[in-house]
N, C-alpha and C. Protein backbone atom coordinates (compact mmCIF):
# COMPACT_ATOMS: atom_id res chain seq x y z
N UNK A 1 55.61 87.29 158.55
CA UNK A 1 55.59 87.83 159.89
C UNK A 1 54.87 86.83 160.68
N UNK A 2 55.51 86.54 161.95
CA UNK A 2 54.79 85.60 162.69
C UNK A 2 53.45 85.83 163.13
N UNK A 3 52.70 84.88 163.27
CA UNK A 3 51.21 85.05 164.02
C UNK A 3 51.07 85.12 165.15
N UNK A 4 52.06 84.25 165.89
CA UNK A 4 52.16 84.31 167.27
C UNK A 4 53.14 84.92 167.88
N UNK A 5 53.07 85.36 169.28
CA UNK A 5 54.12 86.04 169.67
C UNK A 5 55.39 85.40 169.90
N UNK A 6 55.49 84.11 170.19
CA UNK A 6 56.66 83.39 170.53
C UNK A 6 57.05 82.58 169.36
N UNK A 7 56.32 82.74 168.20
CA UNK A 7 56.71 81.76 166.98
C UNK A 7 58.10 82.40 166.48
N UNK A 8 58.97 81.46 166.20
CA UNK A 8 60.33 82.21 165.67
C UNK A 8 60.22 82.74 164.26
N UNK A 9 60.81 83.60 164.05
CA UNK A 9 60.82 84.16 162.62
C UNK A 9 61.64 83.26 161.66
N UNK A 10 61.21 83.17 160.51
CA UNK A 10 62.13 82.57 159.63
C UNK A 10 62.95 83.54 158.86
N UNK A 11 64.20 83.39 158.98
CA UNK A 11 65.21 84.40 158.47
C UNK A 11 65.62 83.89 157.19
N UNK A 12 65.66 84.88 156.26
CA UNK A 12 66.16 84.23 154.98
C UNK A 12 67.55 84.78 154.84
N UNK A 13 68.55 83.95 154.78
CA UNK A 13 69.83 84.28 154.76
C UNK A 13 70.38 84.37 153.24
N UNK A 14 71.18 85.41 153.22
CA UNK A 14 71.71 85.70 151.72
C UNK A 14 73.13 85.29 151.92
N UNK A 15 73.63 84.56 151.10
CA UNK A 15 75.04 84.42 151.16
C UNK A 15 75.81 85.50 150.61
N UNK A 16 76.88 85.85 151.44
CA UNK A 16 77.73 86.91 151.17
C UNK A 16 78.40 86.71 149.72
N UNK A 17 78.37 87.85 149.04
CA UNK A 17 79.09 87.87 147.73
C UNK A 17 80.57 87.68 147.93
N UNK A 18 81.12 86.64 147.17
CA UNK A 18 82.55 86.26 147.20
C UNK A 18 83.29 87.35 146.20
N UNK A 19 84.51 87.90 146.55
CA UNK A 19 84.97 88.80 145.61
C UNK A 19 85.66 87.73 144.53
N UNK A 20 85.75 88.30 143.34
CA UNK A 20 86.42 87.29 142.24
C UNK A 20 87.68 86.99 142.69
N UNK A 21 88.15 85.88 142.12
CA UNK A 21 89.43 85.18 142.47
C UNK A 21 90.65 86.24 142.19
N UNK A 22 90.42 86.99 141.16
CA UNK A 22 91.62 87.97 140.82
C UNK A 22 91.66 88.96 141.69
N UNK A 23 90.49 89.42 142.36
CA UNK A 23 90.50 90.51 143.43
C UNK A 23 91.13 90.14 144.67
N UNK A 24 90.91 88.67 145.17
CA UNK A 24 91.43 88.12 146.20
C UNK A 24 92.96 88.06 146.06
N UNK A 25 93.36 87.58 144.84
CA UNK A 25 94.77 87.50 144.60
C UNK A 25 95.31 88.73 144.60
N UNK A 26 94.93 89.88 144.10
CA UNK A 26 95.43 91.13 144.15
C UNK A 26 95.61 91.65 145.60
N UNK A 27 94.61 91.38 146.16
CA UNK A 27 94.72 91.81 147.92
C UNK A 27 95.82 91.12 148.67
N UNK A 28 95.94 89.66 148.48
CA UNK A 28 96.95 88.79 148.96
C UNK A 28 98.38 89.42 148.55
N UNK A 29 98.44 89.59 147.24
CA UNK A 29 99.79 90.19 146.74
C UNK A 29 100.09 91.51 147.15
N UNK A 30 98.99 92.42 147.54
CA UNK A 30 99.35 93.68 147.97
C UNK A 30 99.68 93.55 149.45
N UNK A 31 99.26 92.73 150.06
CA UNK A 31 99.56 92.45 151.55
C UNK A 31 100.92 91.90 151.64
N UNK A 32 101.31 90.97 150.59
CA UNK A 32 102.82 90.47 150.70
C UNK A 32 103.75 91.47 150.26
N UNK A 33 103.69 92.30 149.38
CA UNK A 33 104.63 93.37 148.90
C UNK A 33 104.55 94.67 149.71
N UNK A 34 103.49 94.87 150.36
CA UNK A 34 103.25 96.04 151.10
C UNK A 34 104.44 96.46 151.94
N UNK A 35 104.83 97.66 151.83
CA UNK A 35 106.13 97.97 152.65
C UNK A 35 106.10 99.48 152.77
N UNK A 36 106.89 99.86 153.71
CA UNK A 36 106.96 101.50 153.99
C UNK A 36 108.17 101.74 153.54
N UNK A 37 108.33 103.11 153.24
CA UNK A 37 109.61 103.49 152.52
C UNK A 37 110.55 104.02 153.48
N UNK A 38 110.76 103.28 154.58
CA UNK A 38 111.82 103.52 155.81
C UNK A 38 113.21 102.88 155.22
N UNK A 39 114.14 103.74 155.38
CA UNK A 39 115.47 103.48 155.01
C UNK A 39 116.03 102.32 155.92
N UNK A 40 115.72 102.29 157.26
CA UNK A 40 116.28 101.28 158.16
C UNK A 40 115.90 99.92 157.73
N UNK A 41 114.77 99.72 157.03
CA UNK A 41 114.32 98.49 156.48
C UNK A 41 115.31 98.13 155.37
N UNK A 42 115.76 99.09 154.57
CA UNK A 42 116.42 98.85 153.49
C UNK A 42 117.87 98.20 153.91
N UNK A 43 118.40 99.04 155.04
CA UNK A 43 119.67 98.63 155.60
C UNK A 43 119.65 97.24 156.21
N UNK A 44 118.70 96.87 156.91
CA UNK A 44 118.41 95.57 157.50
C UNK A 44 118.36 94.46 156.33
N UNK A 45 117.64 94.88 155.34
CA UNK A 45 117.43 93.90 154.36
C UNK A 45 118.75 93.63 153.59
N UNK A 46 119.59 94.74 153.31
CA UNK A 46 120.94 94.56 152.53
C UNK A 46 122.05 94.03 153.46
N UNK A 47 122.09 94.34 154.64
CA UNK A 47 123.01 93.70 155.64
C UNK A 47 122.74 92.23 155.73
N UNK A 48 121.49 92.03 155.88
CA UNK A 48 121.24 90.48 156.25
C UNK A 48 121.38 89.65 154.81
N UNK A 49 121.01 90.30 153.78
CA UNK A 49 121.09 89.48 152.48
C UNK A 49 122.71 89.46 152.00
N UNK A 50 123.27 90.40 152.31
CA UNK A 50 124.78 90.39 152.09
C UNK A 50 125.38 89.41 152.99
N UNK A 51 125.13 89.15 154.00
CA UNK A 51 125.65 88.01 155.03
C UNK A 51 125.20 86.85 154.44
N UNK A 52 123.95 86.72 154.13
CA UNK A 52 123.40 85.26 153.86
C UNK A 52 123.78 84.81 152.40
N UNK A 53 123.99 85.62 151.49
CA UNK A 53 124.31 85.05 150.14
C UNK A 53 125.52 84.46 150.20
N UNK A 54 126.78 84.80 150.85
CA UNK A 54 127.92 83.78 150.86
C UNK A 54 127.56 82.65 151.74
N UNK A 55 126.98 82.93 152.69
CA UNK A 55 126.71 81.61 153.45
C UNK A 55 125.82 80.50 152.82
N UNK A 56 124.92 81.07 151.98
CA UNK A 56 124.16 80.23 151.13
C UNK A 56 125.06 79.63 149.92
N UNK A 57 125.90 80.44 149.37
CA UNK A 57 126.78 79.94 148.27
C UNK A 57 127.61 78.83 148.73
N UNK A 58 127.97 78.78 150.07
CA UNK A 58 128.76 77.65 150.47
C UNK A 58 127.97 76.35 150.38
N UNK A 59 126.87 76.44 150.73
CA UNK A 59 125.85 75.32 150.75
C UNK A 59 125.60 74.84 149.31
N UNK A 60 125.10 75.80 148.51
CA UNK A 60 124.53 75.56 147.14
C UNK A 60 125.55 75.18 146.01
N UNK A 61 126.72 76.22 146.11
CA UNK A 61 127.64 76.01 145.08
C UNK A 61 129.07 75.69 145.47
N UNK A 62 129.25 75.46 146.75
CA UNK A 62 130.42 75.23 147.09
C UNK A 62 131.73 76.33 147.29
N UNK A 63 131.22 77.51 147.10
CA UNK A 63 131.95 78.73 147.19
C UNK A 63 132.43 78.91 148.61
N UNK A 64 133.54 79.60 148.78
CA UNK A 64 133.95 80.35 150.15
C UNK A 64 134.37 78.95 151.15
N UNK A 65 134.75 77.87 150.44
CA UNK A 65 135.13 76.64 151.37
C UNK A 65 134.09 75.69 151.65
N UNK A 66 132.92 76.10 150.92
CA UNK A 66 131.61 75.17 151.53
C UNK A 66 131.64 74.03 150.77
N UNK A 67 130.93 72.98 151.29
CA UNK A 67 130.74 71.58 150.72
C UNK A 67 129.96 71.51 149.30
N UNK A 68 129.17 72.59 148.86
CA UNK A 68 128.37 72.48 147.90
C UNK A 68 127.12 71.68 148.16
N UNK A 69 126.39 71.64 147.04
CA UNK A 69 125.02 71.04 147.16
C UNK A 69 124.93 69.78 147.73
N UNK A 70 125.66 68.73 147.04
CA UNK A 70 125.71 67.43 147.35
C UNK A 70 126.46 67.06 148.67
N UNK A 71 127.39 67.78 148.94
CA UNK A 71 128.18 67.68 150.33
C UNK A 71 127.38 68.12 151.38
N UNK A 72 126.68 69.19 151.16
CA UNK A 72 125.57 69.96 152.30
C UNK A 72 124.79 68.99 152.47
N UNK A 73 123.99 68.40 151.34
CA UNK A 73 122.93 67.43 151.59
C UNK A 73 123.44 66.22 152.42
N UNK A 74 124.50 65.63 151.93
CA UNK A 74 124.90 64.49 152.47
C UNK A 74 125.18 64.81 154.21
N UNK A 75 125.90 65.87 154.38
CA UNK A 75 126.00 66.13 155.88
C UNK A 75 124.83 66.44 156.63
N UNK A 76 123.76 66.96 155.89
CA UNK A 76 122.36 66.99 156.62
C UNK A 76 121.98 65.97 156.95
N UNK A 77 122.06 64.85 156.10
CA UNK A 77 121.42 63.41 156.11
C UNK A 77 122.33 62.60 157.28
N UNK A 78 123.55 62.65 157.00
CA UNK A 78 124.41 61.74 157.96
C UNK A 78 124.62 62.28 159.21
N UNK A 79 124.91 63.61 159.43
CA UNK A 79 125.09 64.16 160.99
C UNK A 79 124.00 64.59 161.66
N UNK A 80 122.89 64.97 160.82
CA UNK A 80 121.79 65.69 161.52
C UNK A 80 120.65 64.76 161.37
N UNK A 81 120.61 63.90 160.43
CA UNK A 81 119.33 62.95 160.26
C UNK A 81 118.45 63.79 159.57
N UNK A 82 118.56 64.68 158.70
CA UNK A 82 117.60 65.55 158.15
C UNK A 82 117.27 64.76 156.79
N UNK A 83 116.03 64.60 156.57
CA UNK A 83 115.48 63.80 155.26
C UNK A 83 115.95 64.67 153.98
N UNK A 84 116.33 64.07 153.08
CA UNK A 84 116.98 64.72 151.90
C UNK A 84 116.00 65.74 151.19
N UNK A 85 114.66 65.64 151.31
CA UNK A 85 113.74 66.61 150.84
C UNK A 85 113.71 67.84 151.62
N UNK A 86 114.02 67.65 153.10
CA UNK A 86 113.85 68.76 153.67
C UNK A 86 115.43 69.67 153.65
N UNK A 87 116.40 68.75 153.45
CA UNK A 87 117.75 69.43 153.28
C UNK A 87 117.67 70.15 152.12
N UNK A 88 117.06 69.75 150.89
CA UNK A 88 116.91 70.57 149.52
C UNK A 88 116.25 71.82 149.85
N UNK A 89 115.15 71.62 150.68
CA UNK A 89 114.20 72.89 151.02
C UNK A 89 115.21 73.97 151.81
N UNK A 90 115.86 73.46 152.84
CA UNK A 90 116.79 74.38 153.68
C UNK A 90 117.93 74.97 152.64
N UNK A 91 118.49 74.32 152.01
CA UNK A 91 119.47 74.84 150.92
C UNK A 91 118.79 75.98 149.92
N UNK A 92 117.55 75.46 149.38
CA UNK A 92 116.98 76.47 148.44
C UNK A 92 116.55 77.75 149.26
N UNK A 93 115.96 77.57 150.38
CA UNK A 93 115.25 78.76 151.24
C UNK A 93 116.54 79.68 151.62
N UNK A 94 117.58 79.14 151.74
CA UNK A 94 118.59 80.02 152.33
C UNK A 94 119.11 80.75 150.89
N UNK A 95 119.34 79.93 149.92
CA UNK A 95 119.97 80.75 148.61
C UNK A 95 118.90 81.72 148.20
N UNK A 96 117.58 81.35 147.90
CA UNK A 96 116.69 82.17 147.36
C UNK A 96 116.15 83.28 148.37
N UNK A 97 116.11 82.95 149.56
CA UNK A 97 115.76 83.99 150.62
C UNK A 97 116.66 85.06 150.62
N UNK A 98 118.02 84.66 150.54
CA UNK A 98 119.01 85.71 150.70
C UNK A 98 119.00 86.62 149.33
N UNK A 99 118.73 86.04 148.22
CA UNK A 99 118.73 86.80 146.97
C UNK A 99 117.51 87.72 146.99
N UNK A 100 116.34 87.10 147.51
CA UNK A 100 115.08 88.04 147.76
C UNK A 100 115.34 89.25 148.54
N UNK A 101 116.10 88.84 149.55
CA UNK A 101 116.42 90.17 150.47
C UNK A 101 117.15 91.18 149.78
N UNK A 102 118.37 90.73 149.01
CA UNK A 102 119.25 91.67 148.30
C UNK A 102 118.45 92.46 147.37
N UNK A 103 117.65 91.83 146.57
CA UNK A 103 116.79 92.40 145.59
C UNK A 103 115.53 93.41 146.07
N UNK A 104 115.16 92.99 147.52
CA UNK A 104 113.91 93.61 147.95
C UNK A 104 112.79 93.12 147.19
N UNK A 105 112.77 91.74 146.66
CA UNK A 105 111.81 91.23 146.05
C UNK A 105 111.24 90.04 146.75
N UNK A 106 109.95 90.36 147.26
CA UNK A 106 109.25 89.21 148.07
C UNK A 106 110.19 89.32 149.57
N UNK A 107 110.57 90.39 149.96
CA UNK A 107 111.35 90.65 151.23
C UNK A 107 110.70 89.79 152.25
N UNK A 108 109.43 89.68 152.40
CA UNK A 108 108.91 89.09 153.59
C UNK A 108 109.05 87.65 153.53
N UNK A 109 109.15 87.11 152.36
CA UNK A 109 109.25 85.76 152.01
C UNK A 109 110.72 85.51 152.15
N UNK A 110 111.60 86.25 151.83
CA UNK A 110 113.17 86.04 152.02
C UNK A 110 113.46 86.13 153.55
N UNK A 111 112.88 86.93 154.30
CA UNK A 111 112.88 87.13 155.78
C UNK A 111 112.48 85.74 156.49
N UNK A 112 111.32 85.41 156.04
CA UNK A 112 110.87 84.20 156.54
C UNK A 112 111.68 82.87 156.42
N UNK A 113 112.37 82.97 155.11
CA UNK A 113 113.19 81.65 154.86
C UNK A 113 114.52 81.65 155.81
N UNK A 114 114.95 83.07 155.94
CA UNK A 114 116.21 83.06 156.70
C UNK A 114 115.79 82.75 158.20
N UNK A 115 114.61 83.19 158.73
CA UNK A 115 114.30 82.94 160.20
C UNK A 115 114.02 81.36 160.26
N UNK A 116 113.31 80.71 159.30
CA UNK A 116 113.32 79.46 159.44
C UNK A 116 114.59 78.70 159.52
N UNK A 117 115.56 78.84 158.67
CA UNK A 117 116.71 78.27 158.39
C UNK A 117 117.57 78.52 159.79
N UNK A 118 117.47 79.80 160.40
CA UNK A 118 118.17 80.14 161.60
C UNK A 118 117.75 79.33 162.59
N UNK A 119 116.38 79.14 162.85
CA UNK A 119 115.88 78.58 164.02
C UNK A 119 116.13 76.95 163.82
N UNK A 120 116.14 76.46 162.61
CA UNK A 120 116.65 75.05 162.31
C UNK A 120 118.01 74.83 162.72
N UNK A 121 118.87 75.76 162.56
CA UNK A 121 120.23 75.75 162.71
C UNK A 121 120.50 75.64 164.34
N UNK A 122 119.68 76.57 165.03
CA UNK A 122 119.86 76.70 166.55
C UNK A 122 119.43 75.49 167.17
N UNK A 123 118.17 74.92 166.60
CA UNK A 123 117.70 73.55 167.31
C UNK A 123 118.43 72.29 166.94
N UNK A 124 118.93 72.29 165.82
CA UNK A 124 119.46 71.09 165.30
C UNK A 124 121.02 70.81 165.60
N UNK A 125 121.61 72.26 165.60
CA UNK A 125 123.02 72.11 165.75
C UNK A 125 123.75 72.95 166.95
N UNK A 126 123.27 74.27 166.83
CA UNK A 126 124.14 75.12 167.92
C UNK A 126 123.60 75.20 169.55
N UNK A 127 122.37 74.99 169.73
CA UNK A 127 121.98 75.02 171.08
C UNK A 127 122.87 74.28 172.10
N UNK A 128 123.20 73.14 171.77
CA UNK A 128 124.07 72.47 172.75
C UNK A 128 125.39 73.17 173.14
N UNK A 129 125.85 73.99 172.15
CA UNK A 129 127.08 74.63 172.32
C UNK A 129 127.04 75.88 173.09
N UNK A 130 125.89 76.30 173.47
CA UNK A 130 125.55 77.44 174.24
C UNK A 130 125.44 78.63 173.33
N UNK A 131 125.34 79.81 174.16
CA UNK A 131 125.15 81.08 173.49
C UNK A 131 126.39 81.60 172.55
N UNK A 132 127.43 81.78 173.16
CA UNK A 132 128.44 82.29 172.41
C UNK A 132 129.20 81.66 171.24
N UNK A 133 129.67 82.48 170.34
CA UNK A 133 130.41 81.90 169.38
C UNK A 133 131.84 81.39 169.87
N UNK A 134 132.40 80.51 169.16
CA UNK A 134 133.71 79.81 169.44
C UNK A 134 134.94 80.64 169.15
N UNK A 135 135.02 81.84 169.82
CA UNK A 135 136.28 82.59 169.37
C UNK A 135 137.56 81.83 169.54
N UNK A 136 137.67 81.13 170.59
CA UNK A 136 139.04 80.83 170.88
C UNK A 136 139.36 79.32 170.17
N UNK A 137 138.36 78.71 169.83
CA UNK A 137 138.64 77.42 169.01
C UNK A 137 138.62 76.33 170.07
N UNK A 138 138.25 76.50 171.28
CA UNK A 138 138.50 75.47 172.34
C UNK A 138 137.17 74.68 172.68
N UNK A 139 136.03 75.50 172.17
CA UNK A 139 134.64 74.85 172.35
C UNK A 139 134.46 73.70 171.54
N UNK A 140 133.24 72.83 171.66
CA UNK A 140 133.00 71.93 170.91
C UNK A 140 132.38 72.41 169.58
N UNK A 141 131.97 73.65 169.51
CA UNK A 141 131.31 74.07 168.25
C UNK A 141 130.90 75.52 168.51
N UNK A 142 130.12 75.93 167.66
CA UNK A 142 129.70 77.52 167.56
C UNK A 142 128.40 77.58 168.40
N UNK A 143 128.13 78.68 169.23
CA UNK A 143 126.98 78.85 169.87
C UNK A 143 125.85 79.54 168.82
N UNK A 144 125.07 80.11 169.43
CA UNK A 144 123.79 80.51 168.51
C UNK A 144 123.74 81.99 168.43
N UNK A 145 124.54 82.83 169.04
CA UNK A 145 124.36 84.30 168.91
C UNK A 145 124.35 84.90 167.54
N UNK A 146 125.12 84.38 166.54
CA UNK A 146 125.00 84.80 165.21
C UNK A 146 123.56 84.58 164.63
N UNK A 147 123.01 83.55 164.99
CA UNK A 147 121.77 83.10 164.36
C UNK A 147 120.54 83.92 164.96
N UNK A 148 120.78 84.32 166.26
CA UNK A 148 119.76 85.41 166.80
C UNK A 148 119.92 86.74 166.13
N UNK A 149 121.22 87.02 165.82
CA UNK A 149 121.39 88.38 165.21
C UNK A 149 120.84 88.42 163.83
N UNK A 150 120.83 87.38 163.13
CA UNK A 150 120.14 87.05 161.78
C UNK A 150 118.64 87.07 161.99
N UNK A 151 117.98 86.43 162.78
CA UNK A 151 116.69 86.59 163.19
C UNK A 151 116.17 87.93 163.59
N UNK A 152 117.00 88.58 164.45
CA UNK A 152 116.73 90.03 164.66
C UNK A 152 116.75 91.13 163.41
N UNK A 153 117.65 90.82 162.48
CA UNK A 153 117.43 91.55 161.25
C UNK A 153 116.28 91.47 160.40
N UNK A 154 115.97 89.93 160.57
CA UNK A 154 114.78 89.63 159.44
C UNK A 154 113.50 90.05 160.09
N UNK A 155 113.44 90.08 161.39
CA UNK A 155 112.09 90.28 161.94
C UNK A 155 111.46 91.65 161.55
N UNK A 156 112.09 92.77 161.45
CA UNK A 156 111.53 94.05 160.92
C UNK A 156 111.00 93.88 159.26
N UNK A 157 111.99 93.29 158.74
CA UNK A 157 111.53 92.98 157.48
C UNK A 157 110.21 92.13 157.21
N UNK A 158 110.20 90.96 158.10
CA UNK A 158 108.95 90.05 158.00
C UNK A 158 107.83 91.00 158.43
N UNK A 159 107.95 91.83 159.48
CA UNK A 159 106.77 92.76 159.93
C UNK A 159 106.45 93.83 158.98
N UNK A 160 107.42 94.47 158.57
CA UNK A 160 107.03 95.87 157.92
C UNK A 160 107.34 95.91 156.34
N UNK A 161 108.09 94.88 155.91
CA UNK A 161 108.37 94.88 154.38
C UNK A 161 109.88 95.00 154.06
N UNK A 162 110.00 95.21 152.78
CA UNK A 162 111.40 95.48 152.30
C UNK A 162 111.92 96.89 152.36
N UNK A 163 111.00 97.69 152.72
CA UNK A 163 111.69 99.12 152.82
C UNK A 163 111.73 99.93 151.51
N UNK A 164 112.49 101.08 151.64
CA UNK A 164 112.63 101.92 150.44
C UNK A 164 113.60 101.16 149.61
N UNK A 165 113.63 101.51 148.28
CA UNK A 165 114.72 101.10 147.36
C UNK A 165 114.62 99.61 147.16
N UNK A 166 113.55 99.05 147.23
CA UNK A 166 113.10 97.74 146.93
C UNK A 166 112.18 97.52 145.70
N UNK A 167 112.28 96.35 145.14
CA UNK A 167 111.48 96.00 144.05
C UNK A 167 110.11 95.84 144.58
N UNK A 168 109.89 95.37 145.81
CA UNK A 168 108.67 95.32 146.40
C UNK A 168 107.99 96.68 146.48
N UNK A 169 108.59 97.54 146.93
CA UNK A 169 107.99 98.96 147.03
C UNK A 169 107.60 99.56 145.59
N UNK A 170 108.35 99.44 144.59
CA UNK A 170 107.82 99.72 143.25
C UNK A 170 106.77 98.89 142.76
N UNK A 171 106.64 97.76 143.06
CA UNK A 171 105.56 96.85 142.59
C UNK A 171 104.25 97.07 143.24
N UNK A 172 104.31 97.45 144.55
CA UNK A 172 103.07 97.76 145.30
C UNK A 172 102.57 98.84 144.80
N UNK A 173 103.41 100.11 144.53
CA UNK A 173 102.93 101.26 144.15
C UNK A 173 102.04 101.25 142.73
N UNK A 174 102.83 100.28 141.92
CA UNK A 174 102.24 100.22 140.37
C UNK A 174 100.91 99.36 140.66
N UNK A 175 100.93 98.26 141.53
CA UNK A 175 99.66 97.53 141.63
C UNK A 175 98.51 98.52 142.19
N UNK A 176 98.86 99.29 143.01
CA UNK A 176 97.89 100.20 143.60
C UNK A 176 97.45 101.29 142.57
N UNK A 177 98.31 101.92 141.84
CA UNK A 177 98.04 102.76 140.81
C UNK A 177 97.18 102.15 139.90
N UNK A 178 97.60 100.94 139.34
CA UNK A 178 96.84 100.23 138.27
C UNK A 178 95.32 100.04 138.89
N UNK A 179 95.28 99.65 140.37
CA UNK A 179 93.79 99.37 140.86
C UNK A 179 92.91 100.70 140.90
N UNK A 180 93.59 101.70 141.13
CA UNK A 180 92.72 102.95 141.24
C UNK A 180 92.40 103.45 139.94
N UNK A 181 93.40 103.40 139.03
CA UNK A 181 92.97 103.74 137.54
C UNK A 181 92.04 102.99 136.98
N UNK A 182 91.72 101.53 137.33
CA UNK A 182 90.75 100.72 136.87
C UNK A 182 89.46 100.79 137.51
N UNK A 183 89.52 101.45 138.80
CA UNK A 183 88.14 101.79 139.49
C UNK A 183 87.54 103.06 138.97
């Protein structure tokens, strides 16, 4: 206790207790997997994943008339000036992101991957061609309306999770049940 009126008190600060690493990891995983059981999220996820899987298969496997992994990587480097490491990340993000969406496993991660790839495609390729797709084949290339639709389908998943009928929904329920049983 101070002896003088204006003498500052010496405060004893106690360091806050940190939660154990396993508890922090559990909370982080819970946030990542957390989802509502809304069916419209499932619809967004399945539609977007269903569209993106063949799109990714073109780049990764050469299916559906695509260039395959090496051809796509070469195109990224030569036509767009994208470094090889970033090109590999783009191909893998599109492939695994679309599979994550179909399964509803790490749906937020899958949605973030698709959003990142679509923004990159708009900025690096499609913005100079304008908004509209090249329906007549007379334009210099495709516009970016498709990419905005993909982003629009991915945003609800990124914000609210994978929805009903997803692996995320089952995992988060089990994680919470195990946590309450342990408490």
